[in-house]
C-alpha atoms as a PDB file:
ATOM      1  CA  MET A   1     -18.928 -23.733  -2.849  1.00  0.00           C
ATOM      2  CA  SER A   2     -16.704 -24.496   0.116  1.00  0.00           C
ATOM      3  CA  LYS A   3     -14.377 -27.461   0.339  1.00  0.00           C
ATOM      4  CA  GLN A   4     -16.507 -28.863   3.150  1.00  0.00           C
ATOM      5  CA  SER A   5     -19.695 -28.750   1.051  1.00  0.00           C
ATOM      6  CA  GLN A   6     -17.843 -30.340  -1.888  1.00  0.00           C
ATOM      7  CA  ASN A   7     -16.710 -33.155   0.405  1.00  0.00           C
ATOM      8  CA  ILE A   8     -20.285 -33.654   1.623  1.00  0.00           C
ATOM      9  CA  ILE A   9     -21.465 -33.863  -1.996  1.00  0.00           C
ATOM     10  CA  LEU A  10     -18.701 -36.383  -2.738  1.00  0.00           C
ATOM     11  CA  ILE A  11     -19.753 -38.483   0.267  1.00  0.00           C
ATOM     12  CA  TYR A  12     -23.375 -38.483  -0.949  1.00  0.00           C
ATOM     13  CA  LEU A  13     -22.215 -39.407  -4.454  1.00  0.00           C
ATOM     14  CA  LEU A  14     -20.073 -42.213  -3.039  1.00  0.00           C
ATOM     15  CA  ILE A  15     -23.091 -43.555  -1.144  1.00  0.00           C
ATOM     16  CA  PHE A  16     -25.380 -43.233  -4.181  1.00  0.00           C
ATOM     17  CA  ILE A  17     -22.888 -44.911  -6.530  1.00  0.00           C
ATOM     18  CA  SER A  18     -22.233 -47.691  -4.000  1.00  0.00           C
ATOM     19  CA  ILE A  19     -25.971 -48.322  -3.582  1.00  0.00           C
ATOM     20  CA  SER A  20     -26.364 -48.428  -7.378  1.00  0.00           C
ATOM     21  CA  LEU A  21     -23.605 -51.010  -7.701  1.00  0.00           C
ATOM     22  CA  ILE A  22     -24.859 -53.068  -4.766  1.00  0.00           C
ATOM     23  CA  SER A  23     -28.348 -52.998  -6.306  1.00  0.00           C
ATOM     24  CA  ALA A  24     -26.969 -54.463  -9.541  1.00  0.00           C
ATOM     25  CA  PHE A  25     -25.406 -57.317  -7.576  1.00  0.00           C
ATOM     26  CA  VAL A  26     -28.604 -57.878  -5.569  1.00  0.00           C
ATOM     27  CA  ILE A  27     -30.638 -58.026  -8.793  1.00  0.00           C
ATOM     28  CA  GLU A  28     -28.177 -60.584 -10.155  1.00  0.00           C
ATOM     29  CA  PHE A  29     -27.387 -62.787  -7.170  1.00  0.00           C
ATOM     30  CA  VAL A  30     -30.448 -62.446  -4.918  1.00  0.00           C
ATOM     31  CA  LEU A  31     -33.235 -61.957  -7.454  1.00  0.00           C
ATOM     32  CA  GLY A  32     -31.598 -64.270 -10.012  1.00  0.00           C
ATOM     33  CA  HIS A  33     -31.620 -62.000 -13.088  1.00  0.00           C
ATOM     34  CA  GLU A  34     -28.599 -62.885 -15.213  1.00  0.00           C
ATOM     35  CA  PRO A  35     -26.821 -59.806 -16.674  1.00  0.00           C
ATOM     36  CA  CYS A  36     -25.675 -59.553 -20.280  1.00  0.00           C
ATOM     37  CA  LYS A  37     -22.085 -58.659 -21.151  1.00  0.00           C
ATOM     38  CA  LEU A  38     -22.864 -54.947 -21.548  1.00  0.00           C
ATOM     39  CA  CYS A  39     -24.540 -54.922 -18.120  1.00  0.00           C
ATOM     40  CA  GLU A  40     -21.352 -56.307 -16.639  1.00  0.00           C
ATOM     41  CA  TYR A  41     -19.194 -53.753 -18.492  1.00  0.00           C
ATOM     42  CA  GLN A  42     -21.406 -50.925 -17.245  1.00  0.00           C
ATOM     43  CA  ARG A  43     -20.440 -51.783 -13.669  1.00  0.00           C
ATOM     44  CA  ILE A  44     -16.788 -50.915 -14.287  1.00  0.00           C
ATOM     45  CA  PRO A  45     -17.221 -47.097 -14.223  1.00  0.00           C
ATOM     46  CA  TYR A  46     -19.075 -47.399 -10.922  1.00  0.00           C
ATOM     47  CA  ILE A  47     -16.254 -49.441  -9.387  1.00  0.00           C
ATOM     48  CA  VAL A  48     -13.652 -46.992 -10.744  1.00  0.00           C
ATOM     49  CA  SER A  49     -15.607 -44.013  -9.405  1.00  0.00           C
ATOM     50  CA  ILE A  50     -15.864 -45.555  -5.934  1.00  0.00           C
ATOM     51  CA  LEU A  51     -12.076 -45.896  -5.903  1.00  0.00           C
ATOM     52  CA  LEU A  52     -11.528 -42.366  -7.252  1.00  0.00           C
ATOM     53  CA  ILE A  53     -13.949 -40.658  -4.855  1.00  0.00           C
ATOM     54  CA  SER A  54     -12.479 -42.610  -1.943  1.00  0.00           C
ATOM     55  CA  THR A  55      -9.034 -41.421  -3.018  1.00  0.00           C
ATOM     56  CA  ILE A  56     -10.189 -37.789  -2.955  1.00  0.00           C
ATOM     57  CA  LEU A  57     -11.758 -38.179   0.488  1.00  0.00           C
ATOM     58  CA  ILE A  58      -8.838 -40.076   2.030  1.00  0.00           C
ATOM     59  CA  LEU A  59      -5.790 -38.400   0.459  1.00  0.00           C
ATOM     60  CA  LYS A  60      -7.270 -34.912   0.069  1.00  0.00           C
ATOM     61  CA  LYS A  61      -4.813 -34.418  -2.822  1.00  0.00           C
ATOM     62  CA  TYR A  62      -5.080 -34.323  -6.601  1.00  0.00           C
ATOM     63  CA  LYS A  63      -8.778 -33.435  -6.305  1.00  0.00           C
ATOM     64  CA  LYS A  64      -8.966 -31.512  -9.584  1.00  0.00           C
ATOM     65  CA  THR A  65      -7.202 -34.269 -11.539  1.00  0.00           C
ATOM     66  CA  ILE A  66      -9.364 -36.994 -10.012  1.00  0.00           C
ATOM     67  CA  LEU A  67     -12.512 -34.962 -10.729  1.00  0.00           C
ATOM     68  CA  LEU A  68     -11.396 -34.790 -14.361  1.00  0.00           C
ATOM     69  CA  PHE A  69     -10.998 -38.584 -14.379  1.00  0.00           C
ATOM     70  CA  LEU A  70     -14.489 -38.911 -12.879  1.00  0.00           C
ATOM     71  CA  ILE A  71     -15.911 -36.718 -15.662  1.00  0.00           C
ATOM     72  CA  ILE A  72     -14.219 -38.916 -18.270  1.00  0.00           C
ATOM     73  CA  THR A  73     -15.338 -42.091 -16.468  1.00  0.00           C
ATOM     74  CA  PHE A  74     -19.003 -41.117 -16.481  1.00  0.00           C
ATOM     75  CA  PHE A  75     -18.820 -39.703 -19.994  1.00  0.00           C
ATOM     76  CA  ILE A  76     -17.663 -43.141 -21.141  1.00  0.00           C
ATOM     77  CA  SER A  77     -20.318 -44.719 -18.924  1.00  0.00           C
ATOM     78  CA  SER A  78     -22.961 -42.521 -20.604  1.00  0.00           C
ATOM     79  CA  ILE A  79     -21.861 -43.664 -24.050  1.00  0.00           C
ATOM     80  CA  LEU A  80     -21.801 -47.329 -23.042  1.00  0.00           C
ATOM     81  CA  ALA A  81     -25.194 -47.120 -21.322  1.00  0.00           C
ATOM     82  CA  PHE A  82     -26.751 -45.250 -24.271  1.00  0.00           C
ATOM     83  CA  TYR A  83     -25.320 -47.874 -26.649  1.00  0.00           C
ATOM     84  CA  HIS A  84     -26.928 -50.615 -24.531  1.00  0.00           C
ATOM     85  CA  PHE A  85     -30.200 -48.650 -24.443  1.00  0.00           C
ATOM     86  CA  GLY A  86     -29.971 -48.304 -28.237  1.00  0.00           C
ATOM     87  CA  ILE A  87     -29.554 -52.071 -28.652  1.00  0.00           C
ATOM     88  CA  GLU A  88     -32.596 -52.666 -26.448  1.00  0.00           C
ATOM     89  CA  GLN A  89     -34.656 -50.202 -28.479  1.00  0.00           C
ATOM     90  CA  GLY A  90     -33.425 -51.496 -31.843  1.00  0.00           C
ATOM     91  CA  PHE A  91     -31.455 -48.334 -32.746  1.00  0.00           C
ATOM     92  CA  PHE A  92     -28.228 -50.343 -32.947  1.00  0.00           C
ATOM     93  CA  ASN A  93     -27.493 -53.946 -33.869  1.00  0.00           C
ATOM     94  CA  GLU A  94     -26.166 -56.291 -31.234  1.00  0.00           C
ATOM     95  CA  SER A  95     -22.377 -56.357 -31.439  1.00  0.00           C
ATOM     96  CA  MET A  96     -19.679 -58.894 -30.671  1.00  0.00           C
ATOM     97  CA  LEU A  97     -19.610 -57.501 -27.103  1.00  0.00           C
ATOM     98  CA  CYS A  98     -22.942 -59.189 -26.509  1.00  0.00           C
ATOM     99  CA  GLU A  99     -21.940 -62.622 -27.732  1.00  0.00           C
ATOM    100  CA  ASN A 100     -20.216 -65.290 -25.710  1.00  0.00           C
ATOM    101  CA  SER A 101     -16.623 -65.374 -26.980  1.00  0.00           C
ATOM    102  CA  GLN A 102     -16.111 -68.912 -25.639  1.00  0.00           C
ATOM    103  CA  LYS A 103     -18.207 -70.346 -28.493  1.00  0.00           C
ATOM    104  CA  LEU A 104     -15.195 -70.132 -30.792  1.00  0.00           C
ATOM    105  CA  LYS A 105     -12.880 -72.136 -28.513  1.00  0.00           C
ATOM    106  CA  VAL A 106     -14.517 -75.574 -28.613  1.00  0.00           C
ATOM    107  CA  LEU A 107     -11.856 -78.267 -28.618  1.00  0.00           C
ATOM    108  CA  ASN A 108     -13.732 -81.381 -27.516  1.00  0.00           C
ATOM    109  CA  LYS A 109     -17.229 -82.626 -26.778  1.00  0.00           C
ATOM    110  CA  GLU A 110     -16.965 -82.072 -22.990  1.00  0.00           C
ATOM    111  CA  GLU A 111     -16.197 -78.383 -23.512  1.00  0.00           C
ATOM    112  CA  LEU A 112     -19.003 -78.140 -26.055  1.00  0.00           C
ATOM    113  CA  LEU A 113     -21.509 -79.656 -23.594  1.00  0.00           C
ATOM    114  CA  LYS A 114     -20.293 -77.335 -20.840  1.00  0.00           C
ATOM    115  CA  GLN A 115     -20.695 -74.287 -23.087  1.00  0.00           C
ATOM    116  CA  LEU A 116     -24.150 -75.360 -24.238  1.00  0.00           C
ATOM    117  CA  LYS A 117     -25.278 -75.457 -20.594  1.00  0.00           C
ATOM    118  CA  GLN A 118     -24.156 -71.856 -20.109  1.00  0.00           C
ATOM    119  CA  THR A 119     -26.813 -69.281 -20.766  1.00  0.00           C
ATOM    120  CA  ASN A 120     -25.968 -66.611 -23.292  1.00  0.00           C
ATOM    121  CA  ILE A 121     -27.905 -63.490 -22.352  1.00  0.00           C
ATOM    122  CA  SER A 122     -28.744 -61.182 -25.235  1.00  0.00           C
ATOM    123  CA  CYS A 123     -28.096 -57.463 -24.745  1.00  0.00           C
ATOM    124  CA  LYS A 124     -31.401 -56.603 -26.396  1.00  0.00           C
ATOM    125  CA  ASP A 125     -33.548 -58.690 -24.043  1.00  0.00           C
ATOM    126  CA  VAL A 126     -34.769 -56.728 -21.026  1.00  0.00           C
ATOM    127  CA  ASP A 127     -35.221 -59.143 -18.139  1.00  0.00           C
ATOM    128  CA  PHE A 128     -35.676 -56.663 -15.306  1.00  0.00           C
ATOM    129  CA  ARG A 129     -37.398 -53.266 -15.101  1.00  0.00           C
ATOM    130  CA  ILE A 130     -37.841 -50.628 -12.418  1.00  0.00           C
ATOM    131  CA  LEU A 131     -40.925 -48.428 -12.856  1.00  0.00           C
ATOM    132  CA  GLY A 132     -41.065 -49.598 -16.476  1.00  0.00           C
ATOM    133  CA  PHE A 133     -37.484 -48.591 -17.258  1.00  0.00           C
ATOM    134  CA  SER A 134     -34.709 -51.033 -18.131  1.00  0.00           C
ATOM    135  CA  LEU A 135     -31.514 -50.860 -16.125  1.00  0.00           C
ATOM    136  CA  ALA A 136     -29.693 -49.611 -19.245  1.00  0.00           C
ATOM    137  CA  THR A 137     -32.146 -46.701 -19.455  1.00  0.00           C
ATOM    138  CA  ILE A 138     -31.697 -45.889 -15.766  1.00  0.00           C
ATOM    139  CA  ASN A 139     -27.923 -46.170 -16.098  1.00  0.00           C
ATOM    140  CA  THR A 140     -27.953 -43.796 -19.080  1.00  0.00           C
ATOM    141  CA  ILE A 141     -29.802 -41.196 -17.007  1.00  0.00           C
ATOM    142  CA  PHE A 142     -27.590 -41.719 -13.938  1.00  0.00           C
ATOM    143  CA  SER A 143     -24.386 -41.517 -15.985  1.00  0.00           C
ATOM    144  CA  VAL A 144     -25.383 -38.271 -17.710  1.00  0.00           C
ATOM    145  CA  VAL A 145     -26.480 -36.688 -14.405  1.00  0.00           C
ATOM    146  CA  LEU A 146     -23.313 -37.847 -12.633  1.00  0.00           C
ATOM    147  CA  SER A 147     -21.195 -36.454 -15.482  1.00  0.00           C
ATOM    148  CA  GLY A 148     -22.911 -33.103 -15.008  1.00  0.00           C
ATOM    149  CA  ILE A 149     -22.391 -33.139 -11.246  1.00  0.00           C
ATOM    150  CA  PHE A 150     -18.680 -33.919 -11.629  1.00  0.00           C
ATOM    151  CA  ILE A 151     -18.330 -31.180 -14.264  1.00  0.00           C
ATOM    152  CA  LYS A 152     -19.949 -28.737 -11.809  1.00  0.00           C
ATOM    153  CA  LEU A 153     -17.606 -29.851  -8.993  1.00  0.00           C
ATOM    154  CA  PHE A 154     -14.608 -29.541 -11.346  1.00  0.00           C
ATOM    155  CA  ASN A 155     -15.616 -26.029 -12.433  1.00  0.00           C
ATOM    156  CA  ASN A 156     -16.203 -24.938  -8.818  1.00  0.00           C
ATOM    157  CA  TYR A 157     -12.858 -26.332  -7.665  1.00  0.00           C
ATOM    158  CA  GLU A 158     -11.000 -23.157  -8.655  1.00  0.00           C
ATOM    159  CA  LYS A 159     -13.522 -20.961  -6.835  1.00  0.00           C
ATOM    160  CA  ASN A 160     -12.439 -22.273  -3.415  1.00  0.00           C
END
């Protein structure tokens, strides 16, 4: 695989990852579906990958090292997404990640009233589906596939 074809693949991946992240924000802010804590955490690898892929395309240096970071990023994303999928399916119990940590910091009645008005979204409740799949399920699939693509790009790096 030539360097030019690898760069084209990286551009397509950058577009795909950006569209995925933008879609999450559209679902939240335009369609009004409130994300749980794990949904918010699952956005972090996408933001990191946008920065890393942009770095490869702009600097044209440290490509192999950045590809390794991308593999690690989406491996972690796969684990996090599968954990969220497992909570939705009842394989795992909801953890402290899913609870609102502000509940423990009530000092007066005004803060208590403010916190009671906030919605606490459960990680096991699926509020939005695409073709019958939850976003955690889709993210699990995307993260595993993206991990594989970055592994393939990493392994082909030496062949240039």
